[in-house]
């Protein structure tokens, strides 16, 4: 959020794409595994990933790894991440755990 506020308050960002990521590479699968590991450590339960074969994209049809380059954010507005990906996930998991009443966990929404 600090990065969004800084971008809004910095004239040099106008009309430019500013990446506010970690600058590290992670795949969606690795991100899911990390989230499962963190959830399991908190709850003692191990969530599982359910794969729908109809939703799997054909091989070579998708970029498998991306990495944000936050150099411009550092240069133009002096921003760099203060929260690691793991800490951000932990904070998100904690928030969701304390606000389950806001979620319809019995319904699949896409």
C-alpha atoms as a PDB file:
ATOM      1  CA  UNK A   1       0.000   0.000   0.000  1.00  0.00           C
ATOM      2  CA  UNK A   2       2.898   2.319   0.804  1.00  0.00           C
ATOM      3  CA  UNK A   3       4.131   1.868  -2.777  1.00  0.00           C
ATOM      4  CA  UNK A   4       0.734   2.791  -4.242  1.00  0.00           C
ATOM      5  CA  UNK A   5       0.545   5.914  -2.078  1.00  0.00           C
ATOM      6  CA  UNK A   6       4.099   6.900  -2.981  1.00  0.00           C
ATOM      7  CA  UNK A   7       3.359   6.388  -6.692  1.00  0.00           C
ATOM      8  CA  UNK A   8       0.245   8.566  -6.405  1.00  0.00           C
ATOM      9  CA  UNK A   9       2.260  11.295  -4.658  1.00  0.00           C
ATOM     10  CA  UNK A  10       5.225  11.216  -7.065  1.00  0.00           C
ATOM     11  CA  UNK A  11       4.792  13.247 -10.222  1.00  0.00           C
ATOM     12  CA  UNK A  12       7.589  11.327 -12.014  1.00  0.00           C
ATOM     13  CA  UNK A  13       5.410   8.189 -11.998  1.00  0.00           C
ATOM     14  CA  UNK A  14       2.632   9.736 -14.098  1.00  0.00           C
ATOM     15  CA  UNK A  15       2.065   7.700 -17.253  1.00  0.00           C
ATOM     16  CA  UNK A  16       4.666   5.100 -16.322  1.00  0.00           C
ATOM     17  CA  UNK A  17       4.346   1.445 -15.386  1.00  0.00           C
ATOM     18  CA  UNK A  18       5.871   1.061 -11.931  1.00  0.00           C
ATOM     19  CA  UNK A  19       6.431  -2.462 -10.602  1.00  0.00           C
ATOM     20  CA  UNK A  20       6.017  -2.842  -6.852  1.00  0.00           C
ATOM     21  CA  UNK A  21       7.002  -6.488  -6.575  1.00  0.00           C
ATOM     22  CA  UNK A  22       9.741  -8.209  -4.632  1.00  0.00           C
ATOM     23  CA  UNK A  23      12.169  -8.432  -7.527  1.00  0.00           C
ATOM     24  CA  UNK A  24      12.383 -12.207  -6.968  1.00  0.00           C
ATOM     25  CA  UNK A  25      11.077 -14.953  -9.235  1.00  0.00           C
ATOM     26  CA  UNK A  26       8.398 -17.374  -8.046  1.00  0.00           C
ATOM     27  CA  UNK A  27       6.057 -19.621  -9.972  1.00  0.00           C
ATOM     28  CA  UNK A  28       2.350 -19.904  -9.183  1.00  0.00           C
ATOM     29  CA  UNK A  29       2.962 -23.487  -8.068  1.00  0.00           C
ATOM     30  CA  UNK A  30       5.736 -22.400  -5.684  1.00  0.00           C
ATOM     31  CA  UNK A  31       3.512 -19.624  -4.346  1.00  0.00           C
ATOM     32  CA  UNK A  32       0.685 -22.108  -3.749  1.00  0.00           C
ATOM     33  CA  UNK A  33       3.057 -24.520  -1.982  1.00  0.00           C
ATOM     34  CA  UNK A  34       4.352 -21.705   0.238  1.00  0.00           C
ATOM     35  CA  UNK A  35       0.803 -20.664   1.140  1.00  0.00           C
ATOM     36  CA  UNK A  36      -0.062 -24.299   1.965  1.00  0.00           C
ATOM     37  CA  UNK A  37       3.051 -24.636   4.130  1.00  0.00           C
ATOM     38  CA  UNK A  38       2.216 -21.465   6.064  1.00  0.00           C
ATOM     39  CA  UNK A  39      -1.461 -22.415   6.498  1.00  0.00           C
ATOM     40  CA  UNK A  40      -0.498 -25.898   7.646  1.00  0.00           C
ATOM     41  CA  UNK A  41       1.960 -24.522  10.209  1.00  0.00           C
ATOM     42  CA  UNK A  42      -0.810 -22.371  11.716  1.00  0.00           C
ATOM     43  CA  UNK A  43      -3.712 -24.789  11.634  1.00  0.00           C
ATOM     44  CA  UNK A  44      -2.143 -28.235  11.743  1.00  0.00           C
ATOM     45  CA  UNK A  45      -4.213 -29.067   8.669  1.00  0.00           C
ATOM     46  CA  UNK A  46      -2.745 -29.426   5.210  1.00  0.00           C
ATOM     47  CA  UNK A  47      -4.833 -27.865   2.446  1.00  0.00           C
ATOM     48  CA  UNK A  48      -4.635 -29.604  -0.887  1.00  0.00           C
ATOM     49  CA  UNK A  49      -4.553 -28.297  -4.413  1.00  0.00           C
ATOM     50  CA  UNK A  50      -7.358 -29.610  -6.581  1.00  0.00           C
ATOM     51  CA  UNK A  51      -6.627 -29.557 -10.292  1.00  0.00           C
ATOM     52  CA  UNK A  52      -9.412 -29.477 -12.872  1.00  0.00           C
ATOM     53  CA  UNK A  53      -8.018 -31.081 -16.035  1.00  0.00           C
ATOM     54  CA  UNK A  54     -10.380 -28.988 -18.173  1.00  0.00           C
ATOM     55  CA  UNK A  55      -8.787 -25.812 -16.852  1.00  0.00           C
ATOM     56  CA  UNK A  56      -5.154 -26.770 -17.493  1.00  0.00           C
ATOM     57  CA  UNK A  57      -3.717 -24.695 -20.299  1.00  0.00           C
ATOM     58  CA  UNK A  58      -2.027 -26.411 -23.219  1.00  0.00           C
ATOM     59  CA  UNK A  59       1.723 -26.875 -22.916  1.00  0.00           C
ATOM     60  CA  UNK A  60       3.754 -23.864 -24.138  1.00  0.00           C
ATOM     61  CA  UNK A  61       0.675 -21.604 -24.034  1.00  0.00           C
ATOM     62  CA  UNK A  62       1.561 -19.708 -20.891  1.00  0.00           C
ATOM     63  CA  UNK A  63       4.484 -17.926 -19.278  1.00  0.00           C
ATOM     64  CA  UNK A  64       5.499 -20.103 -16.342  1.00  0.00           C
ATOM     65  CA  UNK A  65       7.698 -17.702 -14.382  1.00  0.00           C
ATOM     66  CA  UNK A  66       7.628 -13.944 -13.970  1.00  0.00           C
ATOM     67  CA  UNK A  67       9.725 -11.538 -11.962  1.00  0.00           C
ATOM     68  CA  UNK A  68       8.865  -7.937 -11.308  1.00  0.00           C
ATOM     69  CA  UNK A  69      11.660  -5.445 -11.806  1.00  0.00           C
ATOM     70  CA  UNK A  70      11.222  -2.807  -9.114  1.00  0.00           C
ATOM     71  CA  UNK A  71      14.309  -0.787 -10.135  1.00  0.00           C
ATOM     72  CA  UNK A  72      12.200   2.081 -11.489  1.00  0.00           C
ATOM     73  CA  UNK A  73      10.234   2.290  -8.225  1.00  0.00           C
ATOM     74  CA  UNK A  74      13.513   2.496  -6.314  1.00  0.00           C
ATOM     75  CA  UNK A  75      14.962   5.095  -8.678  1.00  0.00           C
ATOM     76  CA  UNK A  76      11.942   7.358  -9.184  1.00  0.00           C
ATOM     77  CA  UNK A  77      10.302   7.249  -5.765  1.00  0.00           C
ATOM     78  CA  UNK A  78      12.805   5.651  -3.408  1.00  0.00           C
ATOM     79  CA  UNK A  79      10.513   2.683  -2.811  1.00  0.00           C
ATOM     80  CA  UNK A  80      11.519  -0.830  -1.949  1.00  0.00           C
ATOM     81  CA  UNK A  81       9.530  -3.605  -0.303  1.00  0.00           C
ATOM     82  CA  UNK A  82       9.549  -3.589   3.490  1.00  0.00           C
ATOM     83  CA  UNK A  83       7.553  -6.807   3.824  1.00  0.00           C
ATOM     84  CA  UNK A  84       8.800 -10.107   2.393  1.00  0.00           C
ATOM     85  CA  UNK A  85       6.514 -12.344   0.387  1.00  0.00           C
ATOM     86  CA  UNK A  86       6.384 -14.848   3.235  1.00  0.00           C
ATOM     87  CA  UNK A  87       5.527 -12.156   5.813  1.00  0.00           C
ATOM     88  CA  UNK A  88       2.872 -10.734   3.486  1.00  0.00           C
ATOM     89  CA  UNK A  89       1.325 -14.175   3.118  1.00  0.00           C
ATOM     90  CA  UNK A  90       1.420 -14.673   6.891  1.00  0.00           C
ATOM     91  CA  UNK A  91      -0.356 -11.337   7.414  1.00  0.00           C
ATOM     92  CA  UNK A  92      -2.949 -12.256   4.779  1.00  0.00           C
ATOM     93  CA  UNK A  93      -3.535 -15.685   6.338  1.00  0.00           C
ATOM     94  CA  UNK A  94      -3.979 -14.074   9.767  1.00  0.00           C
ATOM     95  CA  UNK A  95      -6.412 -11.488   8.392  1.00  0.00           C
ATOM     96  CA  UNK A  96      -8.500 -14.119   6.611  1.00  0.00           C
ATOM     97  CA  UNK A  97      -8.508 -16.325   9.730  1.00  0.00           C
ATOM     98  CA  UNK A  98      -9.973 -13.430  11.724  1.00  0.00           C
ATOM     99  CA  UNK A  99     -12.528 -12.496   9.047  1.00  0.00           C
ATOM    100  CA  UNK A 100     -13.921 -15.834   7.866  1.00  0.00           C
ATOM    101  CA  UNK A 101     -17.419 -14.402   8.263  1.00  0.00           C
ATOM    102  CA  UNK A 102     -16.754 -12.317   5.141  1.00  0.00           C
ATOM    103  CA  UNK A 103     -16.210 -15.399   2.952  1.00  0.00           C
ATOM    104  CA  UNK A 104     -18.669 -17.905   1.503  1.00  0.00           C
ATOM    105  CA  UNK A 105     -16.348 -20.900   1.858  1.00  0.00           C
ATOM    106  CA  UNK A 106     -18.984 -23.366   0.688  1.00  0.00           C
ATOM    107  CA  UNK A 107     -19.274 -21.850  -2.771  1.00  0.00           C
ATOM    108  CA  UNK A 108     -16.764 -21.999  -5.625  1.00  0.00           C
ATOM    109  CA  UNK A 109     -16.555 -18.601  -7.271  1.00  0.00           C
ATOM    110  CA  UNK A 110     -14.612 -17.983 -10.448  1.00  0.00           C
END
